Amino acid sequence: MAFKTISVKTETAQQLVDITQQVRLVVRESGVKSGVCRVFIPHTTAAVTINENADPNVRRDILNRLEQVAPSDGTYLHTEGNSHAHIKSSLVGSSVSVFVEAGQLVLGTWQSVFLCEFDGPRTRNVMVRVSAG
Protein backbone atom coordinates (compact mmCIF):
# COMPACT_ATOMS: atom_id res chain seq x y z
CA MET A 1 0.00 0.00 0.00
CA ALA A 2 1.15 3.54 -0.72
CA PHE A 3 -0.15 7.01 -0.05
CA LYS A 4 1.15 10.18 -1.65
CA THR A 5 -0.04 13.75 -2.08
CA ILE A 6 0.58 15.29 -5.49
CA SER A 7 0.81 19.08 -5.77
CA VAL A 8 -0.66 20.56 -8.97
CA LYS A 9 -0.47 24.21 -9.99
CA THR A 10 -3.35 25.33 -12.15
CA GLU A 11 -2.96 28.18 -14.61
CA THR A 12 -6.44 29.52 -15.24
CA ALA A 13 -9.72 30.06 -13.42
CA GLN A 14 -11.23 26.88 -14.86
CA GLN A 15 -9.36 24.04 -16.49
CA LEU A 16 -8.93 20.28 -16.65
CA VAL A 17 -5.35 19.22 -15.94
CA ASP A 18 -4.23 15.74 -16.97
CA ILE A 19 -2.58 14.18 -13.90
CA THR A 20 -2.41 10.62 -15.22
CA GLN A 21 1.39 10.48 -15.36
CA GLN A 22 1.72 11.63 -11.76
CA VAL A 23 -0.82 9.01 -10.64
CA ARG A 24 0.98 6.32 -12.68
CA LEU A 25 4.21 7.21 -10.92
CA VAL A 26 2.59 6.69 -7.50
CA VAL A 27 1.29 3.29 -8.66
CA ARG A 28 4.72 2.30 -9.97
CA GLU A 29 6.46 3.41 -6.76
CA SER A 30 3.91 1.53 -4.63
CA GLY A 31 4.96 -1.85 -5.96
CA VAL A 32 1.31 -2.95 -5.98
CA LYS A 33 0.70 -5.40 -8.83
CA SER A 34 -3.04 -5.93 -8.41
CA GLY A 35 -5.41 -3.67 -6.51
CA VAL A 36 -7.07 -0.29 -6.59
CA CYS A 37 -5.82 3.26 -6.95
CA ARG A 38 -7.99 5.91 -5.33
CA VAL A 39 -7.58 9.56 -6.26
CA PHE A 40 -9.16 12.15 -3.95
CA ILE A 41 -9.08 15.94 -3.92
CA PRO A 42 -9.60 17.65 -0.54
CA HIS A 43 -10.90 20.92 -1.98
CA THR A 44 -14.47 22.20 -2.29
CA THR A 45 -13.92 24.16 -5.50
CA ALA A 46 -12.04 21.52 -7.48
CA ALA A 47 -12.77 17.94 -8.51
CA VAL A 48 -11.32 14.86 -10.18
CA THR A 49 -12.68 12.89 -13.09
CA ILE A 50 -11.76 10.36 -15.74
CA ASN A 51 -12.43 11.30 -19.34
CA GLU A 52 -11.02 11.47 -22.86
CA ASN A 53 -7.44 12.65 -23.27
CA ALA A 54 -7.09 12.64 -27.05
CA ASP A 55 -9.14 15.64 -28.14
CA PRO A 56 -8.70 18.83 -26.06
CA ASN A 57 -12.12 19.97 -27.28
CA VAL A 58 -13.69 17.40 -24.95
CA ARG A 59 -12.19 19.27 -21.99
CA ARG A 60 -13.48 22.56 -23.37
CA ASP A 61 -16.93 21.07 -23.94
CA ILE A 62 -17.07 19.79 -20.35
CA LEU A 63 -16.07 23.17 -18.95
CA ASN A 64 -18.48 25.01 -21.25
CA ARG A 65 -21.43 22.80 -20.29
CA LEU A 66 -20.64 23.10 -16.57
CA GLU A 67 -20.47 26.88 -17.04
CA GLN A 68 -23.96 26.79 -18.53
CA VAL A 69 -25.24 24.81 -15.54
CA ALA A 70 -23.49 26.97 -12.92
CA PRO A 71 -22.41 30.28 -14.49
CA SER A 72 -19.47 32.09 -12.94
CA ASP A 73 -21.40 35.36 -13.08
CA GLY A 74 -24.62 33.88 -11.72
CA THR A 75 -26.56 35.15 -8.72
CA TYR A 76 -25.74 33.15 -5.58
CA LEU A 77 -26.25 33.54 -1.84
CA HIS A 78 -22.67 32.54 -0.97
CA THR A 79 -20.80 35.85 -0.70
CA GLU A 80 -17.25 34.70 -1.56
CA GLY A 81 -17.99 34.84 -5.28
CA ASN A 82 -17.17 31.20 -6.00
CA SER A 83 -20.49 29.40 -5.58
CA HIS A 84 -20.29 28.31 -9.21
CA ALA A 85 -17.06 26.46 -8.33
CA HIS A 86 -18.66 24.70 -5.35
CA ILE A 87 -21.56 23.58 -7.53
CA LYS A 88 -19.29 22.32 -10.34
CA SER A 89 -17.14 20.46 -7.84
CA SER A 90 -20.21 18.74 -6.40
CA LEU A 91 -21.45 17.78 -9.85
CA VAL A 92 -18.13 16.26 -10.94
CA GLY A 93 -17.06 14.71 -7.63
CA SER A 94 -14.10 14.58 -5.30
CA SER A 95 -12.74 11.10 -6.05
CA VAL A 96 -12.23 8.37 -8.62
CA SER A 97 -11.07 4.77 -8.35
CA VAL A 98 -9.03 2.92 -10.96
CA PHE A 99 -8.11 -0.76 -10.96
CA VAL A 100 -4.44 -1.68 -10.93
CA GLU A 101 -3.34 -4.82 -12.78
CA ALA A 102 0.22 -5.92 -13.61
CA GLY A 103 1.40 -2.81 -11.74
CA GLN A 104 -0.40 -0.48 -14.16
CA LEU A 105 -3.54 1.68 -14.06
CA VAL A 106 -6.37 0.01 -15.96
CA LEU A 107 -7.65 2.86 -18.13
CA GLY A 108 -9.32 2.76 -21.52
CA THR A 109 -7.37 3.76 -24.61
CA TRP A 110 -8.54 7.36 -24.51
CA GLN A 111 -8.96 7.78 -20.75
CA SER A 112 -6.95 10.00 -18.42
CA VAL A 113 -7.34 11.20 -14.85
CA PHE A 114 -8.02 14.93 -14.64
CA LEU A 115 -7.90 17.48 -11.87
CA CYS A 116 -10.80 19.86 -12.51
CA GLU A 117 -10.05 23.42 -11.45
CA PHE A 118 -13.09 25.66 -10.98
CA ASP A 119 -11.66 28.49 -8.81
CA GLY A 120 -8.09 29.06 -9.92
CA PRO A 121 -5.41 29.57 -10.55
CA ARG A 122 -4.25 27.81 -7.39
CA THR A 123 -1.99 25.08 -6.12
CA ARG A 124 -4.10 21.99 -5.46
CA ASN A 125 -3.33 18.85 -3.50
CA VAL A 126 -4.41 15.52 -4.90
CA MET A 127 -4.22 12.47 -2.62
CA VAL A 128 -3.44 9.10 -4.17
CA ARG A 129 -3.73 5.78 -2.32
CA VAL A 130 -2.77 2.49 -3.93
CA SER A 131 -3.97 -0.65 -2.17
CA ALA A 132 -3.35 -4.30 -2.95
CA GLY A 133 -6.21 -6.71 -3.23
C-alpha atoms as a PDB file:
ATOM      1  CA  MET A   1       0.000   0.000   0.000  1.00  0.00           C
ATOM      2  CA  ALA A   2       1.152   3.538  -0.723  1.00  0.00           C
ATOM      3  CA  PHE A   3      -0.151   7.009  -0.051  1.00  0.00           C
ATOM      4  CA  LYS A   4       1.149  10.178  -1.648  1.00  0.00           C
ATOM      5  CA  THR A   5      -0.043  13.750  -2.080  1.00  0.00           C
ATOM      6  CA  ILE A   6       0.582  15.290  -5.486  1.00  0.00           C
ATOM      7  CA  SER A   7       0.807  19.078  -5.768  1.00  0.00           C
ATOM      8  CA  VAL A   8      -0.658  20.556  -8.968  1.00  0.00           C
ATOM      9  CA  LYS A   9      -0.467  24.213  -9.989  1.00  0.00           C
ATOM     10  CA  THR A  10      -3.349  25.329 -12.154  1.00  0.00           C
ATOM     11  CA  GLU A  11      -2.959  28.176 -14.610  1.00  0.00           C
ATOM     12  CA  THR A  12      -6.438  29.521 -15.241  1.00  0.00           C
ATOM     13  CA  ALA A  13      -9.719  30.059 -13.422  1.00  0.00           C
ATOM     14  CA  GLN A  14     -11.228  26.883 -14.861  1.00  0.00           C
ATOM     15  CA  GLN A  15      -9.363  24.040 -16.494  1.00  0.00           C
ATOM     16  CA  LEU A  16      -8.935  20.282 -16.646  1.00  0.00           C
ATOM     17  CA  VAL A  17      -5.351  19.218 -15.938  1.00  0.00           C
ATOM     18  CA  ASP A  18      -4.229  15.735 -16.970  1.00  0.00           C
ATOM     19  CA  ILE A  19      -2.583  14.179 -13.899  1.00  0.00           C
ATOM     20  CA  THR A  20      -2.411  10.624 -15.218  1.00  0.00           C
ATOM     21  CA  GLN A  21       1.388  10.479 -15.364  1.00  0.00           C
ATOM     22  CA  GLN A  22       1.725  11.627 -11.755  1.00  0.00           C
ATOM     23  CA  VAL A  23      -0.815   9.007 -10.643  1.00  0.00           C
ATOM     24  CA  ARG A  24       0.979   6.317 -12.678  1.00  0.00           C
ATOM     25  CA  LEU A  25       4.215   7.206 -10.917  1.00  0.00           C
ATOM     26  CA  VAL A  26       2.590   6.688  -7.497  1.00  0.00           C
ATOM     27  CA  VAL A  27       1.289   3.288  -8.663  1.00  0.00           C
ATOM     28  CA  ARG A  28       4.723   2.302  -9.971  1.00  0.00           C
ATOM     29  CA  GLU A  29       6.457   3.414  -6.758  1.00  0.00           C
ATOM     30  CA  SER A  30       3.910   1.530  -4.625  1.00  0.00           C
ATOM     31  CA  GLY A  31       4.961  -1.845  -5.960  1.00  0.00           C
ATOM     32  CA  VAL A  32       1.311  -2.954  -5.979  1.00  0.00           C
ATOM     33  CA  LYS A  33       0.698  -5.396  -8.829  1.00  0.00           C
ATOM     34  CA  SER A  34      -3.044  -5.934  -8.406  1.00  0.00           C
ATOM     35  CA  GLY A  35      -5.411  -3.670  -6.509  1.00  0.00           C
ATOM     36  CA  VAL A  36      -7.072  -0.287  -6.586  1.00  0.00           C
ATOM     37  CA  CYS A  37      -5.822   3.263  -6.947  1.00  0.00           C
ATOM     38  CA  ARG A  38      -7.989   5.910  -5.326  1.00  0.00           C
ATOM     39  CA  VAL A  39      -7.579   9.557  -6.256  1.00  0.00           C
ATOM     40  CA  PHE A  40      -9.156  12.152  -3.951  1.00  0.00           C
ATOM     41  CA  ILE A  41      -9.076  15.942  -3.921  1.00  0.00           C
ATOM     42  CA  PRO A  42      -9.600  17.650  -0.539  1.00  0.00           C
ATOM     43  CA  HIS A  43     -10.899  20.918  -1.976  1.00  0.00           C
ATOM     44  CA  THR A  44     -14.468  22.196  -2.286  1.00  0.00           C
ATOM     45  CA  THR A  45     -13.923  24.164  -5.502  1.00  0.00           C
ATOM     46  CA  ALA A  46     -12.036  21.523  -7.480  1.00  0.00           C
ATOM     47  CA  ALA A  47     -12.766  17.941  -8.507  1.00  0.00           C
ATOM     48  CA  VAL A  48     -11.317  14.860 -10.183  1.00  0.00           C
ATOM     49  CA  THR A  49     -12.685  12.885 -13.089  1.00  0.00           C
ATOM     50  CA  ILE A  50     -11.760  10.355 -15.744  1.00  0.00           C
ATOM     51  CA  ASN A  51     -12.429  11.298 -19.339  1.00  0.00           C
ATOM     52  CA  GLU A  52     -11.015  11.467 -22.858  1.00  0.00           C
ATOM     53  CA  ASN A  53      -7.443  12.647 -23.267  1.00  0.00           C
ATOM     54  CA  ALA A  54      -7.089  12.641 -27.049  1.00  0.00           C
ATOM     55  CA  ASP A  55      -9.144  15.639 -28.144  1.00  0.00           C
ATOM     56  CA  PRO A  56      -8.705  18.834 -26.064  1.00  0.00           C
ATOM     57  CA  ASN A  57     -12.122  19.966 -27.280  1.00  0.00           C
ATOM     58  CA  VAL A  58     -13.685  17.396 -24.946  1.00  0.00           C
ATOM     59  CA  ARG A  59     -12.187  19.275 -21.986  1.00  0.00           C
ATOM     60  CA  ARG A  60     -13.483  22.561 -23.373  1.00  0.00           C
ATOM     61  CA  ASP A  61     -16.930  21.070 -23.940  1.00  0.00           C
ATOM     62  CA  ILE A  62     -17.074  19.789 -20.353  1.00  0.00           C
ATOM     63  CA  LEU A  63     -16.067  23.170 -18.945  1.00  0.00           C
ATOM     64  CA  ASN A  64     -18.477  25.011 -21.255  1.00  0.00           C
ATOM     65  CA  ARG A  65     -21.429  22.804 -20.294  1.00  0.00           C
ATOM     66  CA  LEU A  66     -20.641  23.103 -16.574  1.00  0.00           C
ATOM     67  CA  GLU A  67     -20.468  26.878 -17.040  1.00  0.00           C
ATOM     68  CA  GLN A  68     -23.965  26.786 -18.528  1.00  0.00           C
ATOM     69  CA  VAL A  69     -25.244  24.811 -15.536  1.00  0.00           C
ATOM     70  CA  ALA A  70     -23.492  26.971 -12.919  1.00  0.00           C
ATOM     71  CA  PRO A  71     -22.409  30.280 -14.494  1.00  0.00           C
ATOM     72  CA  SER A  72     -19.467  32.093 -12.939  1.00  0.00           C
ATOM     73  CA  ASP A  73     -21.404  35.360 -13.079  1.00  0.00           C
ATOM     74  CA  GLY A  74     -24.624  33.883 -11.718  1.00  0.00           C
ATOM     75  CA  THR A  75     -26.560  35.152  -8.717  1.00  0.00           C
ATOM     76  CA  TYR A  76     -25.741  33.149  -5.584  1.00  0.00           C
ATOM     77  CA  LEU A  77     -26.254  33.536  -1.842  1.00  0.00           C
ATOM     78  CA  HIS A  78     -22.671  32.539  -0.971  1.00  0.00           C
ATOM     79  CA  THR A  79     -20.805  35.847  -0.704  1.00  0.00           C
ATOM     80  CA  GLU A  80     -17.253  34.704  -1.561  1.00  0.00           C
ATOM     81  CA  GLY A  81     -17.987  34.835  -5.283  1.00  0.00           C
ATOM     82  CA  ASN A  82     -17.170  31.197  -5.999  1.00  0.00           C
ATOM     83  CA  SER A  83     -20.489  29.402  -5.581  1.00  0.00           C
ATOM     84  CA  HIS A  84     -20.286  28.314  -9.210  1.00  0.00           C
ATOM     85  CA  ALA A  85     -17.058  26.458  -8.335  1.00  0.00           C
ATOM     86  CA  HIS A  86     -18.661  24.698  -5.350  1.00  0.00           C
ATOM     87  CA  ILE A  87     -21.564  23.575  -7.526  1.00  0.00           C
ATOM     88  CA  LYS A  88     -19.292  22.322 -10.340  1.00  0.00           C
ATOM     89  CA  SER A  89     -17.142  20.464  -7.835  1.00  0.00           C
ATOM     90  CA  SER A  90     -20.211  18.739  -6.396  1.00  0.00           C
ATOM     91  CA  LEU A  91     -21.454  17.779  -9.850  1.00  0.00           C
ATOM     92  CA  VAL A  92     -18.129  16.261 -10.942  1.00  0.00           C
ATOM     93  CA  GLY A  93     -17.064  14.713  -7.633  1.00  0.00           C
ATOM     94  CA  SER A  94     -14.097  14.580  -5.303  1.00  0.00           C
ATOM     95  CA  SER A  95     -12.741  11.102  -6.052  1.00  0.00           C
ATOM     96  CA  VAL A  96     -12.232   8.372  -8.624  1.00  0.00           C
ATOM     97  CA  SER A  97     -11.066   4.766  -8.351  1.00  0.00           C
ATOM     98  CA  VAL A  98      -9.029   2.920 -10.958  1.00  0.00           C
ATOM     99  CA  PHE A  99      -8.114  -0.761 -10.964  1.00  0.00           C
ATOM    100  CA  VAL A 100      -4.438  -1.685 -10.931  1.00  0.00           C
ATOM    101  CA  GLU A 101      -3.344  -4.821 -12.782  1.00  0.00           C
ATOM    102  CA  ALA A 102       0.216  -5.919 -13.606  1.00  0.00           C
ATOM    103  CA  GLY A 103       1.399  -2.811 -11.740  1.00  0.00           C
ATOM    104  CA  GLN A 104      -0.404  -0.478 -14.157  1.00  0.00           C
ATOM    105  CA  LEU A 105      -3.540   1.680 -14.059  1.00  0.00           C
ATOM    106  CA  VAL A 106      -6.367   0.011 -15.960  1.00  0.00           C
ATOM    107  CA  LEU A 107      -7.650   2.862 -18.129  1.00  0.00           C
ATOM    108  CA  GLY A 108      -9.320   2.757 -21.520  1.00  0.00           C
ATOM    109  CA  THR A 109      -7.366   3.758 -24.610  1.00  0.00           C
ATOM    110  CA  TRP A 110      -8.539   7.359 -24.508  1.00  0.00           C
ATOM    111  CA  GLN A 111      -8.960   7.780 -20.749  1.00  0.00           C
ATOM    112  CA  SER A 112      -6.947   9.999 -18.417  1.00  0.00           C
ATOM    113  CA  VAL A 113      -7.335  11.203 -14.855  1.00  0.00           C
ATOM    114  CA  PHE A 114      -8.015  14.934 -14.637  1.00  0.00           C
ATOM    115  CA  LEU A 115      -7.901  17.484 -11.866  1.00  0.00           C
ATOM    116  CA  CYS A 116     -10.801  19.858 -12.514  1.00  0.00           C
ATOM    117  CA  GLU A 117     -10.052  23.420 -11.452  1.00  0.00           C
ATOM    118  CA  PHE A 118     -13.088  25.664 -10.975  1.00  0.00           C
ATOM    119  CA  ASP A 119     -11.661  28.486  -8.811  1.00  0.00           C
ATOM    120  CA  GLY A 120      -8.085  29.062  -9.921  1.00  0.00           C
ATOM    121  CA  PRO A 121      -5.414  29.574 -10.546  1.00  0.00           C
ATOM    122  CA  ARG A 122      -4.250  27.806  -7.394  1.00  0.00           C
ATOM    123  CA  THR A 123      -1.990  25.076  -6.121  1.00  0.00           C
ATOM    124  CA  ARG A 124      -4.095  21.995  -5.456  1.00  0.00           C
ATOM    125  CA  ASN A 125      -3.333  18.852  -3.495  1.00  0.00           C
ATOM    126  CA  VAL A 126      -4.407  15.516  -4.896  1.00  0.00           C
ATOM    127  CA  MET A 127      -4.224  12.471  -2.620  1.00  0.00           C
ATOM    128  CA  VAL A 128      -3.441   9.099  -4.172  1.00  0.00           C
ATOM    129  CA  ARG A 129      -3.731   5.780  -2.324  1.00  0.00           C
ATOM    130  CA  VAL A 130      -2.774   2.492  -3.931  1.00  0.00           C
ATOM    131  CA  SER A 131      -3.975  -0.649  -2.166  1.00  0.00           C
ATOM    132  CA  ALA A 132      -3.350  -4.305  -2.955  1.00  0.00           C
ATOM    133  CA  GLY A 133      -6.213  -6.714  -3.232  1.00  0.00           C
END
